Amino acid sequence: MGTLPPPGPRHRILVVDDEEDTRMALVGWFAHDYDVMAAADGIEGLELATQPPPPDLVLVDVWMPRLDGISMVKQMKQIDALRHVPVIFLTGQMSTASMLAGIAAGARAYLPKPIDVDLLDRKVKSALLNRSALEP
């Protein structure tokens, strides 16, 4: 696997999960290396994502009140500034139909809860590396 780009501005990660324990754990895991924003549902997530500068990556739960993760990502992908932001879904719902809906919405990865931190860390680094390679 390649290395991350040289130090510069820290990558911004948006964490969207209605379970406070999960949301705070994700913030804690990534806050040392990234600028992390957190939202409790898809509506708050969209509000944070549309504030400049946009996130470099979104970690989002699938099942949430008010606006679920799949609907949130579909709306995100309609916004030019967010269209290419990689998304990783985190969920307890690993049915084939749910996974296909997440991928169709634009997910880069679809990971089960409880979260395997090492796997998630690899997916986050890979998504950010691939995104950096595509930027001019």
N, C-alpha and C. Protein backbone atom coordinates (compact mmCIF):
# COMPACT_ATOMS: atom_id res chain seq x y z
N MET A 1 0.84 -1.17 0.00
CA MET A 1 0.00 0.00 0.00
C MET A 1 0.89 1.24 0.00
N GLY A 2 0.44 2.31 -0.67
CA GLY A 2 1.23 3.53 -0.76
C GLY A 2 1.23 4.29 0.54
N THR A 3 1.86 5.44 0.49
CA THR A 3 1.92 6.28 1.69
C THR A 3 1.02 7.48 1.49
N LEU A 4 0.67 8.10 2.58
CA LEU A 4 -0.14 9.31 2.48
C LEU A 4 0.72 10.45 1.94
N PRO A 5 0.08 11.46 1.36
CA PRO A 5 0.83 12.59 0.83
C PRO A 5 1.62 13.28 1.94
N PRO A 6 2.63 14.08 1.56
CA PRO A 6 3.43 14.77 2.56
C PRO A 6 2.55 15.65 3.44
N PRO A 7 3.05 15.95 4.66
CA PRO A 7 2.25 16.77 5.56
C PRO A 7 1.85 18.08 4.92
N GLY A 8 0.69 18.48 5.18
CA GLY A 8 0.12 19.73 4.69
C GLY A 8 -1.12 19.96 5.51
N PRO A 9 -2.11 20.59 4.94
CA PRO A 9 -3.34 20.74 5.70
C PRO A 9 -3.89 19.37 6.08
N ARG A 10 -4.40 19.27 7.29
CA ARG A 10 -4.96 17.99 7.74
C ARG A 10 -6.24 17.68 6.99
N HIS A 11 -6.41 16.40 6.69
CA HIS A 11 -7.66 15.97 6.07
C HIS A 11 -8.80 16.15 7.05
N ARG A 12 -9.98 16.46 6.48
CA ARG A 12 -11.19 16.65 7.29
C ARG A 12 -12.10 15.44 7.11
N ILE A 13 -12.50 14.85 8.23
CA ILE A 13 -13.41 13.71 8.21
C ILE A 13 -14.71 14.12 8.89
N LEU A 14 -15.82 13.80 8.24
CA LEU A 14 -17.14 14.02 8.82
C LEU A 14 -17.69 12.67 9.28
N VAL A 15 -18.01 12.58 10.56
CA VAL A 15 -18.59 11.38 11.16
C VAL A 15 -20.07 11.65 11.39
N VAL A 16 -20.94 10.77 10.85
CA VAL A 16 -22.38 10.93 11.01
C VAL A 16 -22.95 9.63 11.55
N ASP A 17 -23.40 9.67 12.81
CA ASP A 17 -23.96 8.47 13.45
C ASP A 17 -24.87 8.91 14.58
N ASP A 18 -26.06 8.32 14.65
CA ASP A 18 -27.01 8.70 15.70
C ASP A 18 -26.67 8.10 17.06
N GLU A 19 -25.83 7.07 17.10
CA GLU A 19 -25.43 6.48 18.37
C GLU A 19 -24.25 7.29 18.93
N GLU A 20 -24.51 7.99 20.03
CA GLU A 20 -23.50 8.89 20.58
C GLU A 20 -22.20 8.17 20.92
N ASP A 21 -22.29 6.97 21.51
CA ASP A 21 -21.07 6.24 21.87
C ASP A 21 -20.23 5.94 20.64
N THR A 22 -20.87 5.49 19.58
CA THR A 22 -20.15 5.19 18.34
C THR A 22 -19.55 6.46 17.75
N ARG A 23 -20.36 7.52 17.69
CA ARG A 23 -19.90 8.79 17.13
C ARG A 23 -18.68 9.32 17.88
N MET A 24 -18.75 9.31 19.21
CA MET A 24 -17.63 9.82 20.01
C MET A 24 -16.41 8.91 19.91
N ALA A 25 -16.62 7.60 19.80
CA ALA A 25 -15.48 6.69 19.62
C ALA A 25 -14.78 6.97 18.29
N LEU A 26 -15.55 7.17 17.24
CA LEU A 26 -14.96 7.48 15.93
C LEU A 26 -14.20 8.80 15.96
N VAL A 27 -14.79 9.80 16.60
CA VAL A 27 -14.10 11.10 16.73
C VAL A 27 -12.79 10.89 17.48
N GLY A 28 -12.83 10.14 18.58
CA GLY A 28 -11.63 9.90 19.37
C GLY A 28 -10.56 9.14 18.60
N TRP A 29 -10.96 8.15 17.80
CA TRP A 29 -9.99 7.36 17.04
C TRP A 29 -9.27 8.20 15.99
N PHE A 30 -9.97 9.15 15.38
CA PHE A 30 -9.39 9.86 14.25
C PHE A 30 -8.92 11.28 14.55
N ALA A 31 -9.26 11.83 15.71
CA ALA A 31 -8.95 13.23 16.02
C ALA A 31 -7.45 13.52 16.09
N HIS A 32 -6.64 12.53 16.39
CA HIS A 32 -5.20 12.77 16.47
C HIS A 32 -4.59 13.09 15.11
N ASP A 33 -5.09 12.43 14.06
CA ASP A 33 -4.49 12.57 12.73
C ASP A 33 -5.30 13.42 11.76
N TYR A 34 -6.55 13.69 12.10
CA TYR A 34 -7.45 14.39 11.17
C TYR A 34 -8.26 15.44 11.90
N ASP A 35 -8.78 16.40 11.15
CA ASP A 35 -9.78 17.32 11.69
C ASP A 35 -11.11 16.61 11.55
N VAL A 36 -11.80 16.38 12.67
CA VAL A 36 -13.02 15.58 12.67
C VAL A 36 -14.21 16.43 13.07
N MET A 37 -15.27 16.34 12.28
CA MET A 37 -16.55 16.97 12.59
C MET A 37 -17.52 15.83 12.86
N ALA A 38 -18.54 16.08 13.69
CA ALA A 38 -19.49 15.02 14.01
C ALA A 38 -20.92 15.53 13.94
N ALA A 39 -21.82 14.65 13.47
CA ALA A 39 -23.24 14.95 13.38
C ALA A 39 -24.04 13.74 13.84
N ALA A 40 -25.24 14.00 14.38
CA ALA A 40 -26.06 12.94 14.95
C ALA A 40 -27.07 12.34 13.97
N ASP A 41 -27.23 12.94 12.80
CA ASP A 41 -28.14 12.38 11.80
C ASP A 41 -27.80 12.97 10.43
N GLY A 42 -28.51 12.49 9.41
CA GLY A 42 -28.21 12.92 8.05
C GLY A 42 -28.45 14.39 7.78
N ILE A 43 -29.43 14.97 8.44
CA ILE A 43 -29.70 16.40 8.24
C ILE A 43 -28.53 17.23 8.77
N GLU A 44 -28.08 16.93 10.00
CA GLU A 44 -26.91 17.64 10.54
C GLU A 44 -25.67 17.35 9.69
N GLY A 45 -25.55 16.12 9.23
CA GLY A 45 -24.41 15.75 8.40
C GLY A 45 -24.35 16.57 7.12
N LEU A 46 -25.49 16.73 6.45
CA LEU A 46 -25.53 17.55 5.23
C LEU A 46 -25.19 19.00 5.53
N GLU A 47 -25.69 19.51 6.64
CA GLU A 47 -25.39 20.89 7.02
C GLU A 47 -23.88 21.08 7.20
N LEU A 48 -23.24 20.16 7.91
CA LEU A 48 -21.79 20.27 8.12
C LEU A 48 -21.02 20.06 6.82
N ALA A 49 -21.46 19.12 6.01
CA ALA A 49 -20.75 18.82 4.75
C ALA A 49 -20.76 19.99 3.79
N THR A 50 -21.82 20.79 3.83
CA THR A 50 -21.93 21.90 2.88
C THR A 50 -21.25 23.18 3.36
N GLN A 51 -20.73 23.17 4.59
CA GLN A 51 -19.99 24.33 5.07
C GLN A 51 -18.55 24.23 4.57
N PRO A 52 -18.03 25.30 3.96
CA PRO A 52 -16.64 25.23 3.47
C PRO A 52 -15.63 25.21 4.61
N PRO A 53 -14.51 24.56 4.42
CA PRO A 53 -14.22 23.68 3.29
C PRO A 53 -14.94 22.34 3.47
N PRO A 54 -15.23 21.66 2.36
CA PRO A 54 -15.94 20.39 2.45
C PRO A 54 -15.06 19.31 3.09
N PRO A 55 -15.69 18.26 3.63
CA PRO A 55 -14.90 17.17 4.19
C PRO A 55 -14.13 16.43 3.09
N ASP A 56 -13.05 15.79 3.46
CA ASP A 56 -12.29 14.96 2.53
C ASP A 56 -12.80 13.53 2.52
N LEU A 57 -13.57 13.18 3.55
CA LEU A 57 -14.10 11.83 3.70
C LEU A 57 -15.30 11.88 4.63
N VAL A 58 -16.29 11.02 4.37
CA VAL A 58 -17.46 10.94 5.25
C VAL A 58 -17.61 9.50 5.72
N LEU A 59 -17.74 9.34 7.04
CA LEU A 59 -18.07 8.05 7.66
C LEU A 59 -19.51 8.20 8.13
N VAL A 60 -20.41 7.34 7.64
CA VAL A 60 -21.82 7.54 7.93
C VAL A 60 -22.54 6.23 8.23
N ASP A 61 -23.37 6.27 9.26
CA ASP A 61 -24.23 5.16 9.61
C ASP A 61 -25.36 5.09 8.58
N VAL A 62 -25.87 3.91 8.33
CA VAL A 62 -26.96 3.76 7.37
C VAL A 62 -28.30 4.12 8.00
N TRP A 63 -28.60 3.54 9.17
CA TRP A 63 -29.91 3.72 9.80
C TRP A 63 -29.85 4.81 10.86
N MET A 64 -30.50 5.96 10.56
CA MET A 64 -30.54 7.08 11.50
C MET A 64 -31.92 7.74 11.41
N PRO A 65 -32.32 8.44 12.48
CA PRO A 65 -33.59 9.17 12.42
C PRO A 65 -33.46 10.41 11.53
N ARG A 66 -34.58 10.98 11.20
CA ARG A 66 -34.73 12.20 10.40
C ARG A 66 -34.27 12.02 8.96
N LEU A 67 -33.03 11.64 8.73
CA LEU A 67 -32.53 11.39 7.38
C LEU A 67 -31.49 10.29 7.47
N ASP A 68 -31.77 9.16 6.83
CA ASP A 68 -30.84 8.02 6.90
C ASP A 68 -29.59 8.29 6.07
N GLY A 69 -28.57 7.47 6.29
CA GLY A 69 -27.29 7.67 5.63
C GLY A 69 -27.33 7.55 4.13
N ILE A 70 -28.10 6.60 3.61
CA ILE A 70 -28.17 6.44 2.15
C ILE A 70 -28.80 7.67 1.51
N SER A 71 -29.88 8.17 2.10
CA SER A 71 -30.52 9.38 1.56
C SER A 71 -29.59 10.59 1.67
N MET A 72 -28.87 10.68 2.78
CA MET A 72 -27.92 11.77 2.96
C MET A 72 -26.85 11.75 1.86
N VAL A 73 -26.30 10.57 1.60
CA VAL A 73 -25.24 10.46 0.59
C VAL A 73 -25.78 10.75 -0.80
N LYS A 74 -26.99 10.29 -1.10
CA LYS A 74 -27.60 10.60 -2.40
C LYS A 74 -27.71 12.11 -2.58
N GLN A 75 -28.12 12.83 -1.52
CA GLN A 75 -28.21 14.29 -1.61
C GLN A 75 -26.83 14.92 -1.74
N MET A 76 -25.86 14.39 -0.99
CA MET A 76 -24.48 14.90 -1.09
C MET A 76 -23.96 14.82 -2.51
N LYS A 77 -24.20 13.70 -3.16
CA LYS A 77 -23.67 13.45 -4.50
C LYS A 77 -24.30 14.36 -5.56
N GLN A 78 -25.40 15.05 -5.20
CA GLN A 78 -26.03 16.02 -6.10
C GLN A 78 -25.36 17.39 -6.03
N ILE A 79 -24.48 17.58 -5.05
CA ILE A 79 -23.82 18.87 -4.83
C ILE A 79 -22.41 18.81 -5.44
N ASP A 80 -22.12 19.70 -6.37
CA ASP A 80 -20.83 19.66 -7.09
C ASP A 80 -19.63 19.55 -6.15
N ALA A 81 -19.59 20.35 -5.10
CA ALA A 81 -18.43 20.37 -4.20
C ALA A 81 -18.28 19.08 -3.41
N LEU A 82 -19.33 18.27 -3.34
CA LEU A 82 -19.30 17.04 -2.54
C LEU A 82 -19.36 15.77 -3.39
N ARG A 83 -19.55 15.91 -4.65
CA ARG A 83 -19.77 14.77 -5.55
C ARG A 83 -18.65 13.73 -5.46
N HIS A 84 -17.41 14.18 -5.28
CA HIS A 84 -16.27 13.25 -5.30
C HIS A 84 -15.72 12.94 -3.90
N VAL A 85 -16.43 13.36 -2.87
CA VAL A 85 -15.99 13.06 -1.51
C VAL A 85 -16.25 11.57 -1.24
N PRO A 86 -15.22 10.81 -0.87
CA PRO A 86 -15.43 9.40 -0.59
C PRO A 86 -16.28 9.19 0.67
N VAL A 87 -17.10 8.14 0.61
CA VAL A 87 -18.02 7.81 1.71
C VAL A 87 -17.78 6.37 2.13
N ILE A 88 -17.73 6.16 3.43
CA ILE A 88 -17.67 4.81 3.99
C ILE A 88 -18.88 4.64 4.89
N PHE A 89 -19.72 3.65 4.55
CA PHE A 89 -20.89 3.36 5.38
C PHE A 89 -20.50 2.42 6.50
N LEU A 90 -21.05 2.68 7.68
CA LEU A 90 -20.88 1.83 8.86
C LEU A 90 -22.27 1.41 9.29
N THR A 91 -22.50 0.10 9.47
CA THR A 91 -23.84 -0.32 9.80
C THR A 91 -23.92 -1.69 10.44
N GLY A 92 -24.99 -1.90 11.17
CA GLY A 92 -25.29 -3.21 11.70
C GLY A 92 -26.13 -4.01 10.71
N GLN A 93 -26.58 -3.35 9.65
CA GLN A 93 -27.44 -3.98 8.64
C GLN A 93 -26.59 -4.37 7.43
N MET A 94 -26.22 -5.64 7.37
CA MET A 94 -25.33 -6.10 6.29
C MET A 94 -26.06 -6.96 5.25
N SER A 95 -27.33 -6.70 5.03
CA SER A 95 -28.05 -7.46 4.01
C SER A 95 -27.53 -7.07 2.63
N THR A 96 -27.68 -7.97 1.69
CA THR A 96 -27.23 -7.70 0.32
C THR A 96 -27.95 -6.48 -0.25
N ALA A 97 -29.26 -6.38 -0.02
CA ALA A 97 -30.03 -5.24 -0.54
C ALA A 97 -29.52 -3.92 0.03
N SER A 98 -29.23 -3.91 1.33
CA SER A 98 -28.73 -2.69 1.97
C SER A 98 -27.35 -2.33 1.44
N MET A 99 -26.49 -3.33 1.27
CA MET A 99 -25.15 -3.07 0.74
C MET A 99 -25.23 -2.53 -0.68
N LEU A 100 -26.08 -3.11 -1.51
CA LEU A 100 -26.23 -2.64 -2.89
C LEU A 100 -26.77 -1.21 -2.93
N ALA A 101 -27.70 -0.89 -2.02
CA ALA A 101 -28.23 0.48 -1.96
C ALA A 101 -27.12 1.46 -1.57
N GLY A 102 -26.26 1.07 -0.63
CA GLY A 102 -25.15 1.93 -0.23
C GLY A 102 -24.15 2.14 -1.34
N ILE A 103 -23.83 1.09 -2.05
CA ILE A 103 -22.90 1.21 -3.18
C ILE A 103 -23.51 2.05 -4.29
N ALA A 104 -24.79 1.83 -4.57
CA ALA A 104 -25.47 2.64 -5.59
C ALA A 104 -25.51 4.11 -5.21
N ALA A 105 -25.58 4.40 -3.91
CA ALA A 105 -25.60 5.80 -3.45
C ALA A 105 -24.23 6.45 -3.58
N GLY A 106 -23.18 5.64 -3.70
CA GLY A 106 -21.85 6.20 -3.90
C GLY A 106 -20.83 5.83 -2.84
N ALA A 107 -21.09 4.77 -2.08
CA ALA A 107 -20.15 4.37 -1.03
C ALA A 107 -18.86 3.81 -1.60
N ARG A 108 -17.75 4.17 -0.98
CA ARG A 108 -16.44 3.60 -1.31
C ARG A 108 -16.28 2.26 -0.60
N ALA A 109 -16.89 2.14 0.59
CA ALA A 109 -16.83 0.89 1.36
C ALA A 109 -18.07 0.80 2.23
N TYR A 110 -18.35 -0.41 2.67
CA TYR A 110 -19.54 -0.69 3.48
C TYR A 110 -19.08 -1.65 4.57
N LEU A 111 -18.92 -1.16 5.81
CA LEU A 111 -18.33 -1.95 6.88
C LEU A 111 -19.34 -2.24 7.99
N PRO A 112 -19.24 -3.43 8.59
CA PRO A 112 -20.18 -3.80 9.65
C PRO A 112 -19.83 -3.20 11.00
N LYS A 113 -20.88 -3.06 11.83
CA LYS A 113 -20.70 -2.77 13.24
C LYS A 113 -20.87 -4.10 13.95
N PRO A 114 -20.18 -4.37 15.04
CA PRO A 114 -19.21 -3.48 15.66
C PRO A 114 -18.01 -3.23 14.74
N ILE A 115 -17.44 -2.08 14.90
CA ILE A 115 -16.40 -1.60 13.98
C ILE A 115 -15.05 -2.25 14.28
N ASP A 116 -14.42 -2.76 13.24
CA ASP A 116 -13.05 -3.24 13.31
C ASP A 116 -12.17 -2.02 13.03
N VAL A 117 -11.57 -1.47 14.06
CA VAL A 117 -10.83 -0.21 13.94
C VAL A 117 -9.67 -0.32 12.95
N ASP A 118 -8.95 -1.43 12.95
CA ASP A 118 -7.83 -1.59 12.02
C ASP A 118 -8.32 -1.58 10.57
N LEU A 119 -9.41 -2.30 10.30
CA LEU A 119 -9.96 -2.33 8.94
C LEU A 119 -10.46 -0.95 8.54
N LEU A 120 -11.17 -0.28 9.44
CA LEU A 120 -11.66 1.07 9.14
C LEU A 120 -10.50 2.02 8.88
N ASP A 121 -9.45 1.95 9.69
CA ASP A 121 -8.29 2.82 9.50
C ASP A 121 -7.67 2.60 8.12
N ARG A 122 -7.56 1.34 7.70
CA ARG A 122 -7.01 1.04 6.36
C ARG A 122 -7.90 1.60 5.26
N LYS A 123 -9.22 1.45 5.43
CA LYS A 123 -10.17 1.96 4.42
C LYS A 123 -10.11 3.49 4.34
N VAL A 124 -10.00 4.15 5.49
CA VAL A 124 -9.91 5.61 5.52
C VAL A 124 -8.63 6.07 4.82
N LYS A 125 -7.51 5.47 5.17
CA LYS A 125 -6.24 5.87 4.54
C LYS A 125 -6.26 5.61 3.04
N SER A 126 -6.80 4.49 2.63
CA SER A 126 -6.88 4.15 1.21
C SER A 126 -7.76 5.15 0.46
N ALA A 127 -8.92 5.48 1.03
CA ALA A 127 -9.83 6.42 0.38
C ALA A 127 -9.19 7.80 0.25
N LEU A 128 -8.49 8.25 1.29
CA LEU A 128 -7.85 9.56 1.24
C LEU A 128 -6.67 9.56 0.27
N LEU A 129 -5.93 8.48 0.23
CA LEU A 129 -4.80 8.36 -0.70
C LEU A 129 -5.31 8.37 -2.14
N ASN A 130 -6.37 7.60 -2.41
CA ASN A 130 -6.92 7.57 -3.77
C ASN A 130 -7.49 8.92 -4.16
N ARG A 131 -8.11 9.60 -3.23
CA ARG A 131 -8.65 10.92 -3.53
C ARG A 131 -7.52 11.91 -3.82
N SER A 132 -6.46 11.85 -3.01
CA SER A 132 -5.32 12.76 -3.23
C SER A 132 -4.65 12.50 -4.56
N ALA A 133 -4.61 11.25 -4.99
CA ALA A 133 -3.98 10.91 -6.27
C ALA A 133 -4.78 11.47 -7.45
N LEU A 134 -6.08 11.67 -7.25
CA LEU A 134 -6.93 12.18 -8.33
C LEU A 134 -6.96 13.69 -8.40
N GLU A 135 -6.53 14.36 -7.33
CA GLU A 135 -6.57 15.82 -7.31
C GLU A 135 -5.40 16.39 -8.09
N PRO A 136 -5.62 17.55 -8.70
CA PRO A 136 -4.54 18.17 -9.49
C PRO A 136 -3.39 18.63 -8.64
